[in-house]
């Protein structure tokens, strides 16, 4: 049964190996829990050399049953510096509060139902795929709120997903049916984006810095499903 047939409680955990310029440099551990009322996605990324910014980043996202994000909490430590970002959605608005160095910055903007959220974990790719049906050659373009360094604040963009290949791909559960996607930010050229393989449930199995498959970015090395 697919995870997306979610009438029962879901408890799934996984682990990604993280890379920088093709060299392994860290790990991300994550979990998904929930059921009829919605989901909580939580995780932690640990980065070390050769990554240029060794750090520890933890996150906790809340999601409705139809895969729409309603909140995201981020704790990020780089050396002795700590940042905390609190994001929340209500009434088609997205609000952010960033606490760093004793100062507070706030943001507020529109978050219509067709808008997505992009954050530096492949769990948000999973959410975007869950809300759309992709056939080979299919594409979807949509507005997106991108959340990332240096302040984990929001940058509005447009994002394009294209399904460019079907096949099988190695996963922690063996060889599985999968699709390859290319992600870009129009009007920027596609080769400034990135690519990834995902299984039929939308879990990213492996991604790449840019479109070069010889430069891995994240690779799924563990997946545990407990339903």
N, C-alpha and C. Protein backbone atom coordinates (compact mmCIF):
# COMPACT_ATOMS: atom_id res chain seq x y z
N UNK A 1 0.84 -1.20 0.00
CA UNK A 1 0.00 0.00 0.00
C UNK A 1 0.88 1.25 0.00
N UNK A 2 0.52 2.25 -0.80
CA UNK A 2 1.27 3.49 -0.84
C UNK A 2 1.08 4.27 0.45
N UNK A 3 2.12 4.98 0.84
CA UNK A 3 2.01 5.87 1.99
C UNK A 3 0.91 6.89 1.78
N UNK A 4 0.68 7.31 0.54
CA UNK A 4 -0.28 8.37 0.28
C UNK A 4 -1.71 7.92 0.49
N UNK A 5 -1.97 6.61 0.66
CA UNK A 5 -3.28 6.12 1.07
C UNK A 5 -3.28 6.12 2.59
N UNK A 6 -3.48 7.33 3.16
CA UNK A 6 -3.09 7.54 4.55
C UNK A 6 -4.27 7.52 5.51
N UNK A 7 -5.09 6.49 5.48
CA UNK A 7 -6.20 6.43 6.42
C UNK A 7 -5.76 5.98 7.80
N UNK A 8 -4.58 5.41 7.90
CA UNK A 8 -4.10 4.91 9.19
C UNK A 8 -2.95 5.79 9.68
N UNK A 9 -2.53 5.52 10.90
CA UNK A 9 -1.39 6.23 11.48
C UNK A 9 -0.14 5.92 10.67
N UNK A 10 0.68 6.95 10.49
CA UNK A 10 1.93 6.80 9.75
C UNK A 10 3.10 7.11 10.67
N UNK A 11 4.09 6.26 10.67
CA UNK A 11 5.34 6.52 11.40
C UNK A 11 6.48 6.02 10.52
N UNK A 12 7.25 6.95 10.00
CA UNK A 12 8.33 6.62 9.06
C UNK A 12 9.57 7.40 9.48
N UNK A 13 10.72 6.79 9.36
CA UNK A 13 11.97 7.49 9.66
C UNK A 13 13.00 7.14 8.59
N UNK A 14 13.98 8.02 8.46
CA UNK A 14 15.00 7.79 7.44
C UNK A 14 16.27 8.55 7.73
N UNK A 15 17.26 8.29 6.88
CA UNK A 15 18.57 8.95 7.04
C UNK A 15 19.16 9.21 5.66
N UNK A 16 19.63 10.45 5.48
CA UNK A 16 20.33 10.84 4.26
C UNK A 16 21.81 11.04 4.56
N UNK A 17 22.67 10.57 3.68
CA UNK A 17 24.07 10.98 3.66
C UNK A 17 24.13 12.28 2.87
N UNK A 18 24.89 13.26 3.38
CA UNK A 18 24.98 14.58 2.76
C UNK A 18 26.36 14.76 2.14
N UNK A 19 26.41 15.49 1.03
CA UNK A 19 27.65 15.66 0.27
C UNK A 19 27.88 17.13 -0.06
N UNK A 20 29.16 17.46 -0.27
CA UNK A 20 29.53 18.77 -0.78
C UNK A 20 30.59 18.58 -1.85
N UNK A 21 30.29 19.05 -3.07
CA UNK A 21 31.17 18.86 -4.22
C UNK A 21 31.58 17.40 -4.38
N UNK A 22 30.61 16.51 -4.17
CA UNK A 22 30.82 15.09 -4.38
C UNK A 22 31.45 14.34 -3.23
N UNK A 23 31.82 15.02 -2.14
CA UNK A 23 32.44 14.37 -0.99
C UNK A 23 31.47 14.32 0.18
N UNK A 24 31.37 13.16 0.82
CA UNK A 24 30.46 13.01 1.95
C UNK A 24 30.90 13.91 3.10
N UNK A 25 29.93 14.64 3.68
CA UNK A 25 30.30 15.61 4.71
C UNK A 25 29.30 15.68 5.86
N UNK A 26 28.29 14.80 5.88
CA UNK A 26 27.34 14.91 6.98
C UNK A 26 26.19 13.94 6.86
N UNK A 27 25.20 14.16 7.72
CA UNK A 27 24.06 13.25 7.79
C UNK A 27 22.81 14.04 8.15
N UNK A 28 21.68 13.58 7.65
CA UNK A 28 20.37 14.10 8.06
C UNK A 28 19.51 12.93 8.51
N UNK A 29 18.98 13.04 9.72
CA UNK A 29 18.03 12.05 10.23
C UNK A 29 16.67 12.71 10.34
N UNK A 30 15.61 12.01 9.91
CA UNK A 30 14.29 12.62 9.88
C UNK A 30 13.22 11.60 10.23
N UNK A 31 12.05 12.11 10.58
CA UNK A 31 10.91 11.24 10.87
C UNK A 31 9.62 11.94 10.46
N UNK A 32 8.60 11.12 10.16
CA UNK A 32 7.25 11.60 9.86
C UNK A 32 6.30 10.84 10.76
N UNK A 33 5.44 11.57 11.44
CA UNK A 33 4.42 10.94 12.27
C UNK A 33 3.10 11.65 12.08
N UNK A 34 2.00 10.88 12.15
CA UNK A 34 0.69 11.50 12.03
C UNK A 34 -0.34 10.55 11.50
N UNK A 35 -1.44 11.13 11.00
CA UNK A 35 -2.54 10.33 10.50
C UNK A 35 -3.64 11.22 10.00
N UNK A 36 -4.87 10.98 10.44
CA UNK A 36 -6.02 11.70 9.90
C UNK A 36 -5.96 13.20 10.15
N UNK A 37 -5.39 13.64 11.26
CA UNK A 37 -5.40 15.06 11.60
C UNK A 37 -4.29 15.84 10.91
N UNK A 38 -3.25 15.16 10.43
CA UNK A 38 -2.12 15.84 9.82
C UNK A 38 -0.82 15.17 10.19
N UNK A 39 0.29 15.85 9.91
CA UNK A 39 1.60 15.22 10.07
C UNK A 39 2.60 16.18 10.72
N UNK A 40 3.58 15.58 11.37
CA UNK A 40 4.72 16.32 11.90
C UNK A 40 5.97 15.71 11.28
N UNK A 41 6.77 16.55 10.65
CA UNK A 41 8.04 16.13 10.06
C UNK A 41 9.15 16.78 10.87
N UNK A 42 10.04 15.97 11.40
CA UNK A 42 11.13 16.50 12.23
C UNK A 42 12.45 15.91 11.79
N UNK A 43 13.52 16.68 11.92
CA UNK A 43 14.81 16.17 11.51
C UNK A 43 15.96 17.01 12.01
N UNK A 44 17.16 16.50 11.78
CA UNK A 44 18.38 17.23 12.14
C UNK A 44 19.44 16.95 11.09
N UNK A 45 20.09 18.01 10.64
CA UNK A 45 21.22 17.90 9.71
C UNK A 45 22.51 18.27 10.44
N UNK A 46 23.53 17.44 10.27
CA UNK A 46 24.85 17.71 10.83
C UNK A 46 25.84 17.76 9.67
N UNK A 47 26.53 18.90 9.52
CA UNK A 47 27.49 19.09 8.44
C UNK A 47 28.88 19.31 9.01
N UNK A 48 29.87 18.69 8.38
CA UNK A 48 31.27 18.83 8.79
C UNK A 48 32.11 19.09 7.54
N UNK A 49 33.41 19.35 7.72
CA UNK A 49 34.32 19.53 6.59
C UNK A 49 34.25 18.29 5.69
N UNK A 50 34.32 18.44 4.37
CA UNK A 50 34.75 19.63 3.62
C UNK A 50 33.67 20.66 3.36
N UNK A 51 32.50 20.56 3.95
CA UNK A 51 31.50 21.61 3.77
C UNK A 51 32.07 22.92 4.33
N UNK A 52 31.86 24.05 3.64
CA UNK A 52 32.46 25.31 4.10
C UNK A 52 31.84 25.87 5.37
N UNK A 53 30.64 25.40 5.75
CA UNK A 53 29.98 25.90 6.95
C UNK A 53 29.53 24.74 7.83
N UNK A 54 30.47 24.10 8.54
CA UNK A 54 30.07 23.04 9.48
C UNK A 54 29.01 23.58 10.45
N UNK A 55 27.96 22.81 10.65
CA UNK A 55 26.84 23.32 11.43
C UNK A 55 25.93 22.18 11.86
N UNK A 56 25.00 22.52 12.74
CA UNK A 56 23.93 21.61 13.15
C UNK A 56 22.61 22.37 12.97
N UNK A 57 21.69 21.75 12.26
CA UNK A 57 20.40 22.39 11.98
C UNK A 57 19.28 21.40 12.27
N UNK A 58 18.36 21.80 13.13
CA UNK A 58 17.20 20.96 13.42
C UNK A 58 15.94 21.68 12.94
N UNK A 59 14.92 20.89 12.59
CA UNK A 59 13.69 21.48 12.08
C UNK A 59 12.50 20.64 12.51
N UNK A 60 11.34 21.30 12.56
CA UNK A 60 10.08 20.63 12.86
C UNK A 60 8.99 21.31 12.05
N UNK A 61 8.36 20.57 11.15
CA UNK A 61 7.31 21.13 10.29
C UNK A 61 5.99 20.45 10.59
N UNK A 62 4.91 21.23 10.57
CA UNK A 62 3.56 20.70 10.69
C UNK A 62 2.87 20.82 9.33
N UNK A 63 2.07 19.79 9.00
CA UNK A 63 1.50 19.67 7.66
C UNK A 63 0.07 19.16 7.78
N UNK A 64 -0.84 19.68 6.97
CA UNK A 64 -2.21 19.18 6.97
C UNK A 64 -2.26 17.83 6.27
N UNK A 65 -3.42 17.19 6.34
CA UNK A 65 -3.59 15.88 5.72
C UNK A 65 -3.51 15.95 4.19
N UNK A 66 -3.75 17.14 3.61
CA UNK A 66 -3.60 17.28 2.17
C UNK A 66 -2.25 17.90 1.82
N UNK A 67 -1.26 17.74 2.73
CA UNK A 67 0.15 18.02 2.46
C UNK A 67 0.49 19.51 2.37
N UNK A 68 -0.31 20.37 2.98
CA UNK A 68 -0.02 21.80 2.98
C UNK A 68 0.69 22.19 4.27
N UNK A 69 1.90 22.79 4.19
CA UNK A 69 2.62 23.17 5.41
C UNK A 69 1.85 24.25 6.20
N UNK A 70 1.85 24.10 7.52
CA UNK A 70 1.22 25.10 8.39
C UNK A 70 2.21 25.73 9.35
N UNK A 71 3.41 25.18 9.46
CA UNK A 71 4.40 25.76 10.35
C UNK A 71 5.75 25.10 10.16
N UNK A 72 6.80 25.85 10.49
CA UNK A 72 8.16 25.34 10.40
C UNK A 72 9.01 26.04 11.44
N UNK A 73 9.63 25.25 12.32
CA UNK A 73 10.56 25.78 13.33
C UNK A 73 11.96 25.30 12.98
N UNK A 74 12.92 26.22 13.01
CA UNK A 74 14.31 25.92 12.65
C UNK A 74 15.24 26.41 13.74
N UNK A 75 16.16 25.56 14.16
CA UNK A 75 17.26 25.94 15.05
C UNK A 75 18.55 25.64 14.30
N UNK A 76 19.41 26.65 14.17
CA UNK A 76 20.62 26.52 13.37
C UNK A 76 21.81 27.04 14.15
N UNK A 77 22.83 26.19 14.32
CA UNK A 77 24.04 26.61 15.03
C UNK A 77 25.23 26.44 14.10
N UNK A 78 25.98 27.55 13.91
CA UNK A 78 27.22 27.56 13.15
C UNK A 78 28.30 28.09 14.08
N UNK A 79 29.21 27.22 14.54
CA UNK A 79 30.17 27.63 15.56
C UNK A 79 29.44 28.02 16.83
N UNK A 80 29.70 29.22 17.32
CA UNK A 80 29.03 29.71 18.53
C UNK A 80 27.78 30.51 18.20
N UNK A 81 27.47 30.67 16.95
CA UNK A 81 26.32 31.49 16.56
C UNK A 81 25.07 30.61 16.45
N UNK A 82 23.97 31.11 16.99
CA UNK A 82 22.71 30.39 16.97
C UNK A 82 21.62 31.25 16.35
N UNK A 83 20.77 30.61 15.57
CA UNK A 83 19.63 31.30 14.96
C UNK A 83 18.39 30.46 15.18
N UNK A 84 17.28 31.14 15.44
CA UNK A 84 15.99 30.46 15.59
C UNK A 84 14.99 31.14 14.68
N UNK A 85 14.31 30.36 13.85
CA UNK A 85 13.30 30.89 12.93
C UNK A 85 11.98 30.17 13.17
N UNK A 86 10.92 30.93 13.33
CA UNK A 86 9.58 30.40 13.54
C UNK A 86 8.69 30.86 12.40
N UNK A 87 8.19 29.91 11.61
CA UNK A 87 7.32 30.20 10.48
C UNK A 87 5.95 29.59 10.75
N UNK A 88 4.89 30.30 10.35
CA UNK A 88 3.54 29.78 10.54
C UNK A 88 2.63 30.28 9.44
N UNK A 89 1.60 29.50 9.13
CA UNK A 89 0.62 29.84 8.09
C UNK A 89 -0.77 29.87 8.70
N UNK A 90 -1.55 30.90 8.31
CA UNK A 90 -2.95 31.00 8.72
C UNK A 90 -3.63 32.02 7.83
N UNK A 91 -4.88 31.73 7.44
CA UNK A 91 -5.69 32.67 6.66
C UNK A 91 -4.98 33.11 5.38
N UNK A 92 -4.35 32.14 4.70
CA UNK A 92 -3.65 32.40 3.44
C UNK A 92 -2.52 33.41 3.59
N UNK A 93 -1.95 33.47 4.78
CA UNK A 93 -0.79 34.33 5.04
C UNK A 93 0.32 33.46 5.64
N UNK A 94 1.57 33.82 5.32
CA UNK A 94 2.74 33.15 5.90
C UNK A 94 3.50 34.20 6.72
N UNK A 95 3.80 33.85 7.97
CA UNK A 95 4.48 34.78 8.86
C UNK A 95 5.76 34.14 9.38
N UNK A 96 6.79 34.95 9.53
CA UNK A 96 8.08 34.45 10.02
C UNK A 96 8.63 35.38 11.09
N UNK A 97 9.26 34.77 12.08
CA UNK A 97 9.94 35.51 13.14
C UNK A 97 11.33 34.91 13.27
N UNK A 98 12.36 35.71 13.06
CA UNK A 98 13.74 35.24 13.09
C UNK A 98 14.46 35.88 14.27
N UNK A 99 15.03 35.07 15.14
CA UNK A 99 15.75 35.54 16.31
C UNK A 99 17.23 35.20 16.13
N UNK A 100 18.07 36.25 16.15
CA UNK A 100 19.51 36.04 15.93
C UNK A 100 20.29 37.19 16.55
N UNK A 101 21.30 36.84 17.34
CA UNK A 101 22.19 37.85 17.93
C UNK A 101 21.47 38.86 18.78
N UNK A 102 20.42 38.44 19.48
CA UNK A 102 19.67 39.35 20.34
C UNK A 102 18.70 40.24 19.60
N UNK A 103 18.56 40.08 18.28
CA UNK A 103 17.63 40.87 17.49
C UNK A 103 16.52 39.98 16.93
N UNK A 104 15.41 40.61 16.60
CA UNK A 104 14.26 39.91 16.04
C UNK A 104 13.86 40.58 14.73
N UNK A 105 13.68 39.77 13.68
CA UNK A 105 13.17 40.24 12.40
C UNK A 105 11.88 39.49 12.09
N UNK A 106 10.91 40.20 11.50
CA UNK A 106 9.64 39.57 11.18
C UNK A 106 9.29 39.80 9.71
N UNK A 107 8.58 38.83 9.15
CA UNK A 107 8.10 38.89 7.77
C UNK A 107 6.64 38.47 7.73
N UNK A 108 5.93 38.94 6.72
CA UNK A 108 4.55 38.54 6.50
C UNK A 108 4.23 38.68 5.03
N UNK A 109 3.53 37.71 4.47
CA UNK A 109 3.17 37.78 3.05
C UNK A 109 2.12 36.77 2.68
N UNK A 110 1.64 36.86 1.45
CA UNK A 110 0.57 35.98 0.97
C UNK A 110 1.06 34.54 0.86
N UNK A 111 0.14 33.60 1.14
CA UNK A 111 0.41 32.18 1.00
C UNK A 111 -0.84 31.51 0.44
N UNK A 112 -1.13 31.74 -0.86
CA UNK A 112 -2.34 31.16 -1.45
C UNK A 112 -2.25 29.64 -1.52
N UNK A 113 -3.39 29.00 -1.75
CA UNK A 113 -3.47 27.55 -1.66
C UNK A 113 -2.57 26.86 -2.68
N UNK A 114 -2.29 27.50 -3.82
CA UNK A 114 -1.46 26.87 -4.86
C UNK A 114 0.03 27.15 -4.66
N UNK A 115 0.40 27.86 -3.60
CA UNK A 115 1.79 28.18 -3.33
C UNK A 115 2.44 27.04 -2.54
N UNK A 116 3.74 26.83 -2.76
CA UNK A 116 4.49 25.79 -2.07
C UNK A 116 5.55 26.42 -1.16
N UNK A 117 6.17 25.58 -0.33
CA UNK A 117 7.26 25.99 0.54
C UNK A 117 8.47 25.12 0.21
N UNK A 118 9.64 25.75 0.09
CA UNK A 118 10.88 25.04 -0.21
C UNK A 118 11.88 25.34 0.89
N UNK A 119 12.45 24.28 1.48
CA UNK A 119 13.41 24.42 2.57
C UNK A 119 14.47 23.34 2.37
N UNK A 120 15.64 23.51 2.95
CA UNK A 120 16.80 22.69 2.63
C UNK A 120 16.80 21.27 3.15
N UNK A 121 15.69 20.58 3.01
CA UNK A 121 15.61 19.14 3.25
C UNK A 121 14.72 18.53 2.18
N UNK A 122 15.00 17.31 1.78
CA UNK A 122 14.19 16.67 0.75
C UNK A 122 12.80 16.28 1.24
N UNK A 123 12.51 16.48 2.51
CA UNK A 123 11.15 16.24 2.96
C UNK A 123 10.18 17.24 2.34
N UNK A 124 10.67 18.42 1.96
CA UNK A 124 9.78 19.38 1.30
C UNK A 124 9.61 19.05 -0.18
N UNK A 125 10.58 18.40 -0.82
CA UNK A 125 10.33 17.85 -2.15
C UNK A 125 9.22 16.81 -2.08
N UNK A 126 9.26 15.99 -1.05
CA UNK A 126 8.23 14.97 -0.86
C UNK A 126 6.84 15.61 -0.77
N UNK A 127 6.72 16.72 -0.02
CA UNK A 127 5.42 17.39 0.10
C UNK A 127 4.95 17.94 -1.25
N UNK A 128 5.86 18.53 -2.01
CA UNK A 128 5.48 19.09 -3.31
C UNK A 128 5.02 17.98 -4.26
N UNK A 129 5.72 16.85 -4.27
CA UNK A 129 5.32 15.74 -5.14
C UNK A 129 3.98 15.15 -4.70
N UNK A 130 3.71 15.15 -3.40
CA UNK A 130 2.47 14.56 -2.90
C UNK A 130 1.24 15.32 -3.37
N UNK A 131 1.40 16.61 -3.70
CA UNK A 131 0.27 17.44 -4.11
C UNK A 131 0.08 17.49 -5.62
N UNK A 132 0.91 16.75 -6.37
CA UNK A 132 0.84 16.81 -7.82
C UNK A 132 1.03 15.43 -8.44
N UNK A 133 0.44 15.25 -9.60
CA UNK A 133 0.59 14.00 -10.35
C UNK A 133 1.53 14.25 -11.51
N UNK A 134 2.64 13.53 -11.57
CA UNK A 134 3.62 13.69 -12.63
C UNK A 134 3.68 12.44 -13.50
N UNK A 135 3.50 12.62 -14.80
CA UNK A 135 3.77 11.58 -15.77
C UNK A 135 5.10 11.92 -16.46
N UNK A 136 5.68 10.98 -17.15
CA UNK A 136 6.92 11.24 -17.86
C UNK A 136 6.71 12.38 -18.85
N UNK A 137 7.58 13.38 -18.79
CA UNK A 137 7.46 14.55 -19.63
C UNK A 137 6.59 15.64 -19.05
N UNK A 138 5.90 15.34 -17.95
CA UNK A 138 5.03 16.34 -17.32
C UNK A 138 5.81 17.37 -16.54
N UNK A 139 5.21 18.54 -16.38
CA UNK A 139 5.85 19.60 -15.61
C UNK A 139 4.80 20.42 -14.89
N UNK A 140 5.21 21.01 -13.76
CA UNK A 140 4.36 21.91 -13.00
C UNK A 140 5.20 23.11 -12.59
N UNK A 141 4.66 24.31 -12.80
CA UNK A 141 5.31 25.54 -12.35
C UNK A 141 4.38 26.23 -11.36
N UNK A 142 4.94 26.79 -10.28
CA UNK A 142 4.12 27.34 -9.22
C UNK A 142 4.92 28.36 -8.41
N UNK A 143 4.24 29.27 -7.69
CA UNK A 143 4.94 30.16 -6.77
C UNK A 143 5.43 29.37 -5.56
N UNK A 144 6.54 29.79 -5.01
CA UNK A 144 7.12 29.07 -3.87
C UNK A 144 7.73 30.06 -2.90
N UNK A 145 7.62 29.76 -1.61
CA UNK A 145 8.32 30.50 -0.56
C UNK A 145 9.57 29.71 -0.22
N UNK A 146 10.74 30.24 -0.56
CA UNK A 146 12.01 29.56 -0.31
C UNK A 146 12.59 30.05 1.01
N UNK A 147 12.95 29.11 1.87
CA UNK A 147 13.46 29.42 3.21
C UNK A 147 14.88 28.88 3.31
N UNK A 148 15.83 29.76 3.63
CA UNK A 148 17.21 29.29 3.70
C UNK A 148 18.16 30.34 4.26
N UNK A 149 19.47 30.00 4.30
CA UNK A 149 20.49 30.89 4.84
C UNK A 149 20.51 32.23 4.10
N UNK A 150 21.04 33.30 4.75
CA UNK A 150 21.71 33.26 6.06
C UNK A 150 20.78 33.42 7.26
N UNK A 151 19.51 33.85 7.02
CA UNK A 151 18.62 34.11 8.16
C UNK A 151 17.42 33.17 8.23
N UNK A 152 17.34 32.18 7.36
CA UNK A 152 16.19 31.29 7.29
C UNK A 152 14.90 32.09 7.12
N UNK A 153 15.02 33.20 6.38
CA UNK A 153 13.87 34.02 6.04
C UNK A 153 13.29 33.55 4.70
N UNK A 154 12.20 34.19 4.28
CA UNK A 154 11.47 33.79 3.08
C UNK A 154 11.88 34.64 1.88
N UNK A 155 12.11 33.98 0.74
CA UNK A 155 12.32 34.65 -0.54
C UNK A 155 11.28 34.10 -1.51
N UNK A 156 10.33 34.93 -1.98
CA UNK A 156 9.34 34.45 -2.96
C UNK A 156 10.00 34.22 -4.32
N UNK A 157 9.68 33.10 -4.95
CA UNK A 157 10.22 32.76 -6.26
C UNK A 157 9.13 32.03 -7.05
N UNK A 158 9.48 31.67 -8.28
CA UNK A 158 8.70 30.71 -9.04
C UNK A 158 9.58 29.47 -9.21
N UNK A 159 8.95 28.29 -9.18
CA UNK A 159 9.69 27.03 -9.25
C UNK A 159 9.05 26.14 -10.30
N UNK A 160 9.90 25.41 -11.01
CA UNK A 160 9.44 24.49 -12.05
C UNK A 160 9.98 23.10 -11.78
N UNK A 161 9.08 22.10 -11.70
CA UNK A 161 9.43 20.69 -11.60
C UNK A 161 9.13 20.03 -12.94
N UNK A 162 10.10 19.27 -13.47
CA UNK A 162 9.88 18.49 -14.69
C UNK A 162 10.23 17.03 -14.42
N UNK A 163 9.37 16.11 -14.84
CA UNK A 163 9.66 14.68 -14.77
C UNK A 163 10.31 14.27 -16.08
N UNK A 164 11.58 13.88 -16.03
CA UNK A 164 12.34 13.69 -17.27
C UNK A 164 12.72 12.23 -17.55
N UNK A 165 12.48 11.32 -16.59
CA UNK A 165 12.89 9.93 -16.81
C UNK A 165 12.16 9.02 -15.85
N UNK A 166 11.84 7.82 -16.31
CA UNK A 166 11.30 6.74 -15.46
C UNK A 166 12.26 5.58 -15.51
N UNK A 167 12.31 4.82 -14.42
CA UNK A 167 13.16 3.65 -14.41
C UNK A 167 13.14 3.00 -13.05
N UNK A 168 14.18 2.26 -12.74
CA UNK A 168 14.36 1.69 -11.42
C UNK A 168 15.61 2.30 -10.80
N UNK A 169 15.61 2.35 -9.47
CA UNK A 169 16.73 2.98 -8.78
C UNK A 169 16.96 2.25 -7.46
N UNK A 170 18.22 2.18 -7.04
CA UNK A 170 18.56 1.50 -5.80
C UNK A 170 18.07 2.32 -4.61
N UNK A 171 17.48 1.63 -3.65
CA UNK A 171 17.01 2.26 -2.42
C UNK A 171 17.40 1.39 -1.23
N UNK A 172 17.24 1.89 0.00
CA UNK A 172 17.52 1.04 1.16
C UNK A 172 16.64 -0.20 1.23
N UNK A 173 15.53 -0.20 0.49
CA UNK A 173 14.62 -1.35 0.46
C UNK A 173 14.80 -2.19 -0.79
N UNK A 174 15.89 -1.96 -1.53
CA UNK A 174 16.13 -2.68 -2.77
C UNK A 174 15.83 -1.81 -3.98
N UNK A 175 15.87 -2.42 -5.16
CA UNK A 175 15.59 -1.68 -6.38
C UNK A 175 14.09 -1.39 -6.48
N UNK A 176 13.75 -0.12 -6.74
CA UNK A 176 12.34 0.29 -6.77
C UNK A 176 12.06 1.11 -8.02
N UNK A 177 10.77 1.16 -8.41
CA UNK A 177 10.36 2.04 -9.49
C UNK A 177 10.56 3.49 -9.05
N UNK A 178 11.07 4.32 -9.94
CA UNK A 178 11.39 5.70 -9.57
C UNK A 178 11.30 6.61 -10.79
N UNK A 179 11.27 7.92 -10.52
CA UNK A 179 11.27 8.94 -11.57
C UNK A 179 12.37 9.95 -11.26
N UNK A 180 12.94 10.50 -12.33
CA UNK A 180 13.95 11.55 -12.18
C UNK A 180 13.30 12.89 -12.51
N UNK A 181 13.55 13.88 -11.63
CA UNK A 181 13.00 15.21 -11.78
C UNK A 181 14.11 16.24 -11.90
N UNK A 182 13.82 17.32 -12.61
CA UNK A 182 14.71 18.47 -12.68
C UNK A 182 13.95 19.66 -12.10
N UNK A 183 14.60 20.39 -11.19
CA UNK A 183 14.00 21.53 -10.50
C UNK A 183 14.75 22.79 -10.88
N UNK A 184 14.03 23.84 -11.27
CA UNK A 184 14.67 25.10 -11.63
C UNK A 184 13.81 26.27 -11.16
N UNK A 185 14.36 27.47 -11.28
CA UNK A 185 13.70 28.70 -10.83
C UNK A 185 13.57 29.66 -12.02
N UNK A 186 12.51 29.51 -12.83
CA UNK A 186 12.34 30.41 -13.97
C UNK A 186 12.32 31.88 -13.51
N UNK A 187 12.92 32.78 -14.32
CA UNK A 187 13.45 32.56 -15.68
C UNK A 187 14.91 32.13 -15.72
N UNK A 188 15.48 31.72 -14.59
CA UNK A 188 16.87 31.27 -14.60
C UNK A 188 16.98 29.98 -15.42
N UNK A 189 18.13 29.75 -16.07
CA UNK A 189 18.28 28.54 -16.89
C UNK A 189 18.22 27.28 -16.05
N UNK A 190 17.77 26.20 -16.68
CA UNK A 190 17.58 24.93 -15.97
C UNK A 190 18.88 24.38 -15.41
N UNK A 191 20.02 24.64 -16.08
CA UNK A 191 21.28 24.09 -15.59
C UNK A 191 21.77 24.75 -14.30
N UNK A 192 21.06 25.78 -13.82
CA UNK A 192 21.36 26.35 -12.51
C UNK A 192 20.53 25.69 -11.41
N UNK A 193 19.67 24.76 -11.78
CA UNK A 193 18.85 24.05 -10.81
C UNK A 193 19.51 22.78 -10.33
N UNK A 194 18.70 21.77 -9.99
CA UNK A 194 19.24 20.49 -9.52
C UNK A 194 18.30 19.38 -9.96
N UNK A 195 18.77 18.14 -9.78
CA UNK A 195 18.00 16.98 -10.20
C UNK A 195 17.94 15.96 -9.06
N UNK A 196 16.91 15.11 -9.10
CA UNK A 196 16.81 14.03 -8.10
C UNK A 196 15.96 12.89 -8.62
N UNK A 197 16.19 11.70 -8.05
CA UNK A 197 15.35 10.54 -8.24
C UNK A 197 14.45 10.38 -7.02
N UNK A 198 13.18 10.05 -7.26
CA UNK A 198 12.24 9.80 -6.16
C UNK A 198 11.44 8.55 -6.43
N UNK A 199 11.07 7.83 -5.37
CA UNK A 199 10.29 6.61 -5.55
C UNK A 199 8.81 6.96 -5.76
N UNK A 200 7.96 5.94 -5.83
CA UNK A 200 6.56 6.17 -6.15
C UNK A 200 5.80 6.89 -5.04
N UNK A 201 6.34 6.89 -3.82
CA UNK A 201 5.74 7.64 -2.72
C UNK A 201 6.28 9.06 -2.64
N UNK A 202 7.22 9.41 -3.51
CA UNK A 202 7.76 10.75 -3.51
C UNK A 202 8.98 10.95 -2.64
N UNK A 203 9.49 9.88 -2.01
CA UNK A 203 10.70 10.02 -1.20
C UNK A 203 11.92 10.14 -2.12
N UNK A 204 12.71 11.18 -1.89
CA UNK A 204 13.90 11.39 -2.72
C UNK A 204 14.94 10.34 -2.35
N UNK A 205 15.40 9.61 -3.37
CA UNK A 205 16.38 8.55 -3.17
C UNK A 205 17.81 9.07 -3.33
N UNK A 206 17.99 10.00 -4.26
CA UNK A 206 19.31 10.58 -4.47
C UNK A 206 19.14 11.88 -5.24
N UNK A 207 19.94 12.90 -4.87
CA UNK A 207 19.88 14.18 -5.57
C UNK A 207 21.29 14.60 -5.93
N UNK A 208 21.37 15.64 -6.79
CA UNK A 208 22.66 16.04 -7.36
C UNK A 208 22.81 17.55 -7.32
N UNK A 209 24.04 18.00 -7.13
CA UNK A 209 24.35 19.43 -7.24
C UNK A 209 24.32 19.79 -8.71
N UNK A 210 23.34 20.55 -9.13
CA UNK A 210 23.16 20.79 -10.55
C UNK A 210 22.54 19.58 -11.21
N UNK A 211 22.87 19.37 -12.48
CA UNK A 211 22.30 18.25 -13.24
C UNK A 211 23.30 17.13 -13.45
N UNK A 212 24.48 17.22 -12.85
CA UNK A 212 25.56 16.25 -13.04
C UNK A 212 25.42 15.11 -12.03
N UNK A 213 25.11 13.92 -12.51
CA UNK A 213 24.89 12.77 -11.63
C UNK A 213 26.16 12.30 -10.94
N UNK A 214 27.32 12.83 -11.33
CA UNK A 214 28.57 12.45 -10.66
C UNK A 214 28.82 13.27 -9.40
N UNK A 215 27.96 14.25 -9.13
CA UNK A 215 28.13 15.11 -7.95
C UNK A 215 26.92 14.97 -7.04
N UNK A 216 26.88 13.93 -6.21
CA UNK A 216 25.73 13.74 -5.33
C UNK A 216 25.59 14.88 -4.33
N UNK A 217 24.36 15.14 -3.94
CA UNK A 217 24.05 16.14 -2.91
C UNK A 217 23.52 15.45 -1.66
N UNK A 218 22.48 14.62 -1.83
CA UNK A 218 21.94 13.83 -0.73
C UNK A 218 21.62 12.43 -1.26
N UNK A 219 21.81 11.42 -0.41
CA UNK A 219 21.53 10.03 -0.79
C UNK A 219 20.82 9.34 0.37
N UNK A 220 19.67 8.74 0.09
CA UNK A 220 18.92 8.03 1.13
C UNK A 220 19.62 6.72 1.45
N UNK A 221 20.00 6.52 2.71
CA UNK A 221 20.72 5.32 3.11
C UNK A 221 19.96 4.49 4.14
N UNK A 222 18.82 5.01 4.61
CA UNK A 222 18.00 4.24 5.56
C UNK A 222 16.57 4.70 5.45
N UNK A 223 15.62 3.74 5.46
CA UNK A 223 14.20 4.04 5.43
C UNK A 223 13.47 2.98 6.22
N UNK A 224 12.72 3.39 7.25
CA UNK A 224 12.01 2.46 8.12
C UNK A 224 10.55 2.89 8.15
N UNK A 225 9.67 1.97 7.81
CA UNK A 225 8.23 2.24 7.82
C UNK A 225 7.58 1.41 8.91
N UNK A 226 6.85 2.05 9.79
CA UNK A 226 6.16 1.36 10.89
C UNK A 226 4.74 1.85 10.90
N UNK A 227 3.81 1.05 10.33
CA UNK A 227 2.42 1.49 10.19
C UNK A 227 1.53 0.66 11.09
